[in-house]
Amino acid sequence: MAHPKHPPSPGPYGWIHQSLETLHRANWYRQVQPIEGKGGATIRIAGQPCLNFASNDYLGLAGDPRLAAAAATAASAYGTGSTGSRLLSGQRPIHRELEQAIAQLKGTEDAIVFSSGYLANLGTLAALVDHRDLIVADQYNHSSLQMGARLSGATVAVYDHNDLDQLQRRLAEQRPQYRRCLVVTDSVFSMDGDLCPLPEILALADQWDAMVMVDEAHGTGVLGASGGGAVEYLGCRQRPMVQVGTLSKSLGSLGGYVTGSAELIDFLRNRTATWIYTTGLSPSDAAAARTAIAIIHQEPQRLAQLTQNSAYLRQRLDQLEVNRLPSESPIICLQVKDAATVLALGQHLKQRGLFAAAVRPPTVPTSRLRMTVMATHTREDIDQLVAGIQDCFRG
């Protein structure tokens, strides 16, 4: 799709045209990619079928008819929208049922559901800390964590990605000057696919009397024996912490959540502006996510297949002479030299019926092809992707 041309605007809005032109010249300009019909391992783009390696629908549940049926039933029973804040008029039984299901999946006492994962992160950070406090954050944290840290008013100290020595130094240098401290990290880093060293982070937090907030957006339903996430996979389920995540990836719906102790959740219900002052999650979204959690319990083979598929793609790529970034998740990335190269690689693959994400700065520090594996991919699908990549690098 060709990018739209805009005539220069006079007056105080003229800078917008110049900014867009700068984005084009740097190959940083972005536009949406319409997908026809349902998502899944195979999709249609501009009428053509493509194998889909650009989705966060890790378990293949977003197009599952059982989730659609649950959403339709909830809409029939409760309407299409919650119509108000849950504290005033928007609470429905399905909201509480979903929160209890999340707590069970994560092995925690309670949970609270938000209308998006971004809202969950913004609101939780602002509720837990303020200008009297310190946030120590991983360099590669998701945008929502970075923005929430700024909005909280707390002092923010960033440490190099997964660098425990630097985390220790940040805590030693700055922790004594502040009332509270919160260490914030993704569990699975969304643009790399690697995991945080959570046991070591928790140990340092204990040493310095700090809380830990971990974003499980790309871990829930993906890692751990029961799909409980990276926290379960890394053996940290019994440790106190603040776990946040989304309903929009492996759970095939929309929304966000925080889970932890009953006291934490009770506090957030009373102090989190992005929950108190916004309309509750739609009943349909809540019912779809609740059904997805039930399927995760009932069909453990989905998670097993996802794990096998991820390992197979890593193994096949490692047979090629490509720069694969370290990953223990279904997010698998190839680093390339610049934005123009990754755009050309993405276009080459699309011409072969393969859809993968060309990710560029400023989203990431270095350009990369980001591939995501689904439980519903076959080995033949993965072989086709690898063949397409091999053909491009040969050329």
Foldseek 3Di string as FASTA:
>chain_A
DDDDQDDQDDDPPRVVNVVQVVCVVQLNDDDDFDWDDDDFQWTAGPRRIFGEFAALQFLRQLPPVVLVVLLVVLCVVCNFFLPFFCVPGRDDPLQQLLFVLLCVLQVADTKHWFQALLLVQLQLLLLPAALQEEEEEEPQADPSNVVSPVVNHHHYHYDYHLDLVRVLVVLVVPLVRGDAYEYEEEQQRPQAAAGHLVVSVLVSCVVRVYAYEYEFASFALQDAQLSSGSCRNNPNSVPFHKYKYFCVGNLNAGTIMIGGYPVSVVSSVVGGCSNRGDTGHTSSRSSSSSVSSVVSNVCVVSNVLSQVVQVLLVVLCVVDPFQWGDHNTQKTKTFDAGSVVLVVLQVQSVVVRYHWDFDHPPSDPGTITITGHHSPDDVVSSVSVSVSNRVVVVD
